[in-house]
Amino acid sequence: MTEPNVYITLALTSLVALAMIVTAGLAGWRGWLSLRRLELDQAHDTGLPVAVSTGARIEIADLKERIKKLEAIAAGVDL
């Protein structure tokens, strides 16, 4: 039968390995977030448009279509 010390050593080693993986993942996540912040700040500073979500694009297209219809109605054109 194996000694209880083997199980304790295995558990502690597993916890240390998990902590190392989590720490590396967290460092990568923070690095990615800082990169995205830097990209957004540069896009904002240079006046480049920031990426717009698909839902916002659809809503903008819908609003443009409504404006065209209203302008046509105001001009007396039947659609």
N, C-alpha and C. Protein backbone atom coordinates (compact mmCIF):
# COMPACT_ATOMS: atom_id res chain seq x y z
N MET A 1 0.84 -1.18 0.00
CA MET A 1 0.00 0.00 0.00
C MET A 1 0.89 1.24 0.00
N THR A 2 0.48 2.27 -0.73
CA THR A 2 1.28 3.49 -0.80
C THR A 2 1.09 4.35 0.44
N GLU A 3 2.12 5.09 0.71
CA GLU A 3 2.08 5.93 1.90
C GLU A 3 1.25 7.19 1.63
N PRO A 4 0.67 7.75 2.67
CA PRO A 4 -0.11 8.99 2.50
C PRO A 4 0.74 10.16 2.05
N ASN A 5 2.04 10.12 2.32
CA ASN A 5 2.92 11.21 1.90
C ASN A 5 2.98 11.35 0.38
N VAL A 6 2.83 10.22 -0.33
CA VAL A 6 2.85 10.25 -1.80
C VAL A 6 1.65 11.03 -2.31
N TYR A 7 0.49 10.82 -1.70
CA TYR A 7 -0.72 11.51 -2.13
C TYR A 7 -0.63 13.01 -1.81
N ILE A 8 -0.07 13.34 -0.68
CA ILE A 8 0.09 14.75 -0.31
C ILE A 8 1.06 15.43 -1.26
N THR A 9 2.14 14.77 -1.59
CA THR A 9 3.12 15.33 -2.52
C THR A 9 2.51 15.51 -3.90
N LEU A 10 1.76 14.53 -4.36
CA LEU A 10 1.10 14.62 -5.65
C LEU A 10 0.08 15.75 -5.68
N ALA A 11 -0.70 15.89 -4.61
CA ALA A 11 -1.69 16.97 -4.54
C ALA A 11 -1.02 18.34 -4.53
N LEU A 12 0.04 18.49 -3.76
CA LEU A 12 0.73 19.77 -3.70
C LEU A 12 1.40 20.12 -5.02
N THR A 13 1.98 19.12 -5.66
CA THR A 13 2.60 19.34 -6.97
C THR A 13 1.55 19.76 -7.99
N SER A 14 0.40 19.12 -7.94
CA SER A 14 -0.69 19.47 -8.86
C SER A 14 -1.17 20.89 -8.61
N LEU A 15 -1.30 21.27 -7.36
CA LEU A 15 -1.73 22.63 -7.03
C LEU A 15 -0.72 23.67 -7.49
N VAL A 16 0.57 23.39 -7.31
CA VAL A 16 1.60 24.31 -7.76
C VAL A 16 1.58 24.44 -9.28
N ALA A 17 1.44 23.33 -9.98
CA ALA A 17 1.37 23.36 -11.44
C ALA A 17 0.15 24.15 -11.91
N LEU A 18 -0.98 23.93 -11.27
CA LEU A 18 -2.19 24.67 -11.62
C LEU A 18 -2.02 26.16 -11.36
N ALA A 19 -1.38 26.50 -10.26
CA ALA A 19 -1.14 27.92 -9.95
C ALA A 19 -0.23 28.55 -10.99
N MET A 20 0.77 27.82 -11.45
CA MET A 20 1.67 28.34 -12.48
C MET A 20 0.92 28.56 -13.80
N ILE A 21 0.07 27.62 -14.16
CA ILE A 21 -0.70 27.75 -15.40
C ILE A 21 -1.65 28.93 -15.32
N VAL A 22 -2.34 29.08 -14.19
CA VAL A 22 -3.27 30.19 -14.01
C VAL A 22 -2.53 31.52 -14.04
N THR A 23 -1.37 31.58 -13.40
CA THR A 23 -0.59 32.82 -13.39
C THR A 23 -0.14 33.19 -14.80
N ALA A 24 0.32 32.21 -15.56
CA ALA A 24 0.74 32.48 -16.94
C ALA A 24 -0.45 32.92 -17.78
N GLY A 25 -1.58 32.28 -17.61
CA GLY A 25 -2.78 32.67 -18.36
C GLY A 25 -3.23 34.07 -18.01
N LEU A 26 -3.19 34.40 -16.73
CA LEU A 26 -3.58 35.74 -16.30
C LEU A 26 -2.63 36.80 -16.85
N ALA A 27 -1.35 36.50 -16.87
CA ALA A 27 -0.38 37.45 -17.43
C ALA A 27 -0.63 37.65 -18.92
N GLY A 28 -0.94 36.57 -19.63
CA GLY A 28 -1.26 36.67 -21.05
C GLY A 28 -2.52 37.48 -21.29
N TRP A 29 -3.53 37.26 -20.47
CA TRP A 29 -4.80 37.99 -20.59
C TRP A 29 -4.58 39.48 -20.36
N ARG A 30 -3.81 39.82 -19.33
CA ARG A 30 -3.53 41.23 -19.06
C ARG A 30 -2.73 41.87 -20.19
N GLY A 31 -1.80 41.12 -20.75
CA GLY A 31 -1.04 41.62 -21.88
C GLY A 31 -1.92 41.87 -23.09
N TRP A 32 -2.85 40.95 -23.34
CA TRP A 32 -3.76 41.11 -24.47
C TRP A 32 -4.67 42.32 -24.26
N LEU A 33 -5.16 42.49 -23.03
CA LEU A 33 -6.01 43.65 -22.74
C LEU A 33 -5.24 44.96 -22.92
N SER A 34 -4.01 45.01 -22.47
CA SER A 34 -3.24 46.23 -22.64
C SER A 34 -2.96 46.50 -24.12
N LEU A 35 -2.74 45.45 -24.90
CA LEU A 35 -2.55 45.62 -26.34
C LEU A 35 -3.81 46.18 -26.98
N ARG A 36 -4.97 45.65 -26.61
CA ARG A 36 -6.24 46.16 -27.17
C ARG A 36 -6.47 47.60 -26.76
N ARG A 37 -6.16 47.94 -25.51
CA ARG A 37 -6.32 49.33 -25.07
C ARG A 37 -5.41 50.25 -25.88
N LEU A 38 -4.19 49.80 -26.12
CA LEU A 38 -3.26 50.59 -26.91
C LEU A 38 -3.76 50.78 -28.33
N GLU A 39 -4.28 49.71 -28.95
CA GLU A 39 -4.83 49.80 -30.30
C GLU A 39 -6.01 50.75 -30.34
N LEU A 40 -6.90 50.68 -29.36
CA LEU A 40 -8.06 51.56 -29.33
C LEU A 40 -7.66 53.01 -29.11
N ASP A 41 -6.67 53.23 -28.25
CA ASP A 41 -6.19 54.59 -28.02
C ASP A 41 -5.56 55.17 -29.29
N GLN A 42 -4.79 54.37 -30.01
CA GLN A 42 -4.17 54.84 -31.24
C GLN A 42 -5.23 55.12 -32.31
N ALA A 43 -6.24 54.26 -32.40
CA ALA A 43 -7.31 54.47 -33.37
C ALA A 43 -8.08 55.74 -33.02
N HIS A 44 -8.28 55.98 -31.74
CA HIS A 44 -9.00 57.17 -31.31
C HIS A 44 -8.17 58.42 -31.57
N ASP A 45 -6.87 58.34 -31.33
CA ASP A 45 -5.99 59.50 -31.52
C ASP A 45 -5.82 59.86 -33.00
N THR A 46 -5.77 58.85 -33.86
CA THR A 46 -5.55 59.11 -35.29
C THR A 46 -6.85 59.39 -36.03
N GLY A 47 -7.97 59.21 -35.38
CA GLY A 47 -9.25 59.48 -36.02
C GLY A 47 -9.76 58.32 -36.84
N LEU A 48 -9.11 57.18 -36.77
CA LEU A 48 -9.61 56.02 -37.50
C LEU A 48 -10.86 55.50 -36.81
N PRO A 49 -11.79 55.00 -37.58
CA PRO A 49 -13.01 54.49 -36.95
C PRO A 49 -12.72 53.23 -36.14
N VAL A 50 -13.32 53.15 -34.99
CA VAL A 50 -13.18 51.98 -34.13
C VAL A 50 -14.15 50.92 -34.64
N ALA A 51 -13.78 49.66 -34.54
CA ALA A 51 -14.61 48.57 -35.03
C ALA A 51 -16.00 48.64 -34.40
N VAL A 52 -17.02 48.55 -35.24
CA VAL A 52 -18.40 48.64 -34.79
C VAL A 52 -19.00 47.25 -34.83
N SER A 53 -19.83 46.95 -33.86
CA SER A 53 -20.43 45.63 -33.82
C SER A 53 -21.43 45.47 -34.97
N THR A 54 -21.74 44.23 -35.28
CA THR A 54 -22.65 43.94 -36.39
C THR A 54 -24.03 44.50 -36.12
N GLY A 55 -24.50 44.39 -34.89
CA GLY A 55 -25.82 44.91 -34.54
C GLY A 55 -25.91 46.41 -34.75
N ALA A 56 -24.85 47.12 -34.41
CA ALA A 56 -24.84 48.57 -34.60
C ALA A 56 -24.84 48.92 -36.08
N ARG A 57 -24.12 48.14 -36.88
CA ARG A 57 -24.11 48.40 -38.33
C ARG A 57 -25.50 48.20 -38.93
N ILE A 58 -26.19 47.16 -38.50
CA ILE A 58 -27.53 46.89 -39.01
C ILE A 58 -28.47 48.02 -38.61
N GLU A 59 -28.34 48.49 -37.38
CA GLU A 59 -29.19 49.57 -36.90
C GLU A 59 -28.92 50.86 -37.67
N ILE A 60 -27.66 51.15 -37.94
CA ILE A 60 -27.31 52.35 -38.71
C ILE A 60 -27.86 52.25 -40.13
N ALA A 61 -27.75 51.08 -40.75
CA ALA A 61 -28.29 50.90 -42.10
C ALA A 61 -29.81 51.07 -42.10
N ASP A 62 -30.47 50.57 -41.06
CA ASP A 62 -31.92 50.73 -40.95
C ASP A 62 -32.29 52.20 -40.80
N LEU A 63 -31.55 52.93 -40.00
CA LEU A 63 -31.83 54.35 -39.81
C LEU A 63 -31.61 55.13 -41.11
N LYS A 64 -30.56 54.79 -41.86
CA LYS A 64 -30.32 55.45 -43.15
C LYS A 64 -31.47 55.19 -44.12
N GLU A 65 -31.97 53.97 -44.11
CA GLU A 65 -33.09 53.63 -44.99
C GLU A 65 -34.34 54.41 -44.61
N ARG A 66 -34.58 54.54 -43.33
CA ARG A 66 -35.74 55.32 -42.87
C ARG A 66 -35.61 56.78 -43.26
N ILE A 67 -34.40 57.32 -43.15
CA ILE A 67 -34.18 58.72 -43.54
C ILE A 67 -34.46 58.91 -45.02
N LYS A 68 -34.00 57.97 -45.84
CA LYS A 68 -34.26 58.06 -47.28
C LYS A 68 -35.75 58.04 -47.57
N LYS A 69 -36.49 57.17 -46.87
CA LYS A 69 -37.93 57.10 -47.07
C LYS A 69 -38.61 58.40 -46.64
N LEU A 70 -38.18 58.96 -45.52
CA LEU A 70 -38.76 60.20 -45.06
C LEU A 70 -38.45 61.36 -46.01
N GLU A 71 -37.23 61.37 -46.55
CA GLU A 71 -36.89 62.41 -47.53
C GLU A 71 -37.71 62.25 -48.79
N ALA A 72 -37.96 61.00 -49.21
CA ALA A 72 -38.78 60.76 -50.39
C ALA A 72 -40.22 61.20 -50.14
N ILE A 73 -40.72 60.93 -48.96
CA ILE A 73 -42.08 61.35 -48.62
C ILE A 73 -42.16 62.88 -48.61
N ALA A 74 -41.15 63.52 -48.05
CA ALA A 74 -41.15 64.98 -48.00
C ALA A 74 -41.05 65.59 -49.40
N ALA A 75 -40.37 64.90 -50.31
CA ALA A 75 -40.24 65.39 -51.68
C ALA A 75 -41.47 65.05 -52.52
N GLY A 76 -42.36 64.21 -51.99
CA GLY A 76 -43.57 63.85 -52.73
C GLY A 76 -43.38 62.70 -53.69
N VAL A 77 -42.37 61.89 -53.51
CA VAL A 77 -42.10 60.75 -54.39
C VAL A 77 -42.73 59.51 -53.77
N ASP A 78 -43.45 58.72 -54.58
CA ASP A 78 -44.01 57.45 -54.09
C ASP A 78 -42.97 56.35 -54.19
N LEU A 79 -42.90 55.55 -53.15
CA LEU A 79 -41.94 54.44 -53.15
C LEU A 79 -42.62 53.13 -53.40
